[in-house]
Amino acid sequence: MTSKSLSDKKPIGVIGAGNFGSVVANLLSRQHSVLLYARDEQVVKRILETHENRGYKMNSRVTPTNDLKYLAENCDIIFPIVPSAHFRSMMQKLSAHLHPYHILIHGTKGLDITLPEGKTIETVNTLNRSQVKTISEVIREESVVVRVGCLAGPNLSKELAERHPAATVIASPFNEVVSLGKKLLRSDKFQVYGNSDLIGVELAGVLKNIIAIASGALSGMGYGENAKGLLISRGAVEMIHVGKALGGNVKAFLGLAGIGDLVTTSNSTLSRNFQVGYKLAKGQTLQEIITGMDEVAEGVNTVRIIKKCADHYKLRAPITNMLYKVLFEDLTVEQALTYLMRYPLNVDIDFLD
């Protein structure tokens, strides 16, 4: 399968023509033709006519389509990169056209939730692991695909498009998936690492968005690097405690998809999650911020989900709890920071005990 997939020159599929999907399509197109799925016919038409999307020049080997059936029939390897809120519904449309020979490597840093009939995320008090699924779990639930992986790490779209040195992680329990991901994406400016802990890597990519929002808020308040160093280090500990409770391995959080991505998104104005926190601290409401964004900041919904998981499992997650109050209960950023500075902690690194 591996040699056939790479030698028969079948196109590689990418589902989602947002910033990251567009950049991944271009990265893949260095070696292969690519089919890029966009829901909006106008986006397909624009790419065909201008060879541009979201400000990115698209490689001529990238062909846009809004036909999922056509993409699945022509591509054995597919990279789905759509917001978590729409991922399950996309998979339900796609699954009729998938077979066990397909390989899916997703690039979505979010979670899916399943709630009882008539309930919403606002009306449930807690969430347990059976109600919260990673994206790879959604793929397996909604399709016959077995070989699943994820693409994670500090992958800011703009920097990747400008070919700045960067790296990513392909995580999968299948060595074949990791090997394929490396061959398809690795270049002289883009290193690709492998990791067998798919769930841990997915959770690391999800949880770091919470800390990125908090870091943006610190910057918006005008605080310096000492405060940010404090936040990132405590944030890493919080990520590990929550991640372990949800089924991840500590090692995944200490690698590129964990600490690497955390440091990057907590320090970059290019990060949508960082921008949410920054604008909150500058006095904008959450609704104003969301309305003004062209793409989803996954961290907002992640805060809501993880706060309710932490309540269920009685986890210590002070940063998540305070952000929840800022985002959804009208606590000010300044009040949240005051609480966190007074939070009683006696041990620096306690997840290795």
Foldseek 3Di string as FASTA:
>chain_A
DLVCQLPVQQAEEEEDDDLVSQLVCQLLVVRGQYEYADQDVVQQVCCVVPCDDPRFRHDPSYHYDNDLLVRLVRHQEYEYEDEPVCLLVVLLVNQVNHDQSHEYAYAYQAKAFDDPPPDDLVRDQFDALVGIGFSQVSNVVRHVYDHYWYKFFQCLSVCSSVLAAEEIEIEALDPSSRVSVQVSRDDPRYYYHYHDFRLQLSLLLRQLLLLLLLLLLCVLLVDDDVVLVVSLLVSLLLSQQLSVSSPHDNVSLVDRRHSVNNVNSSPDPSQLSSVLNNVLNVPDANVVSVVPDPDDSNNVVSLSRSVSHCVVVVHDRLSSVLVCCSNPVVDGSVNSVVVVVVDDDDDRRDPVD
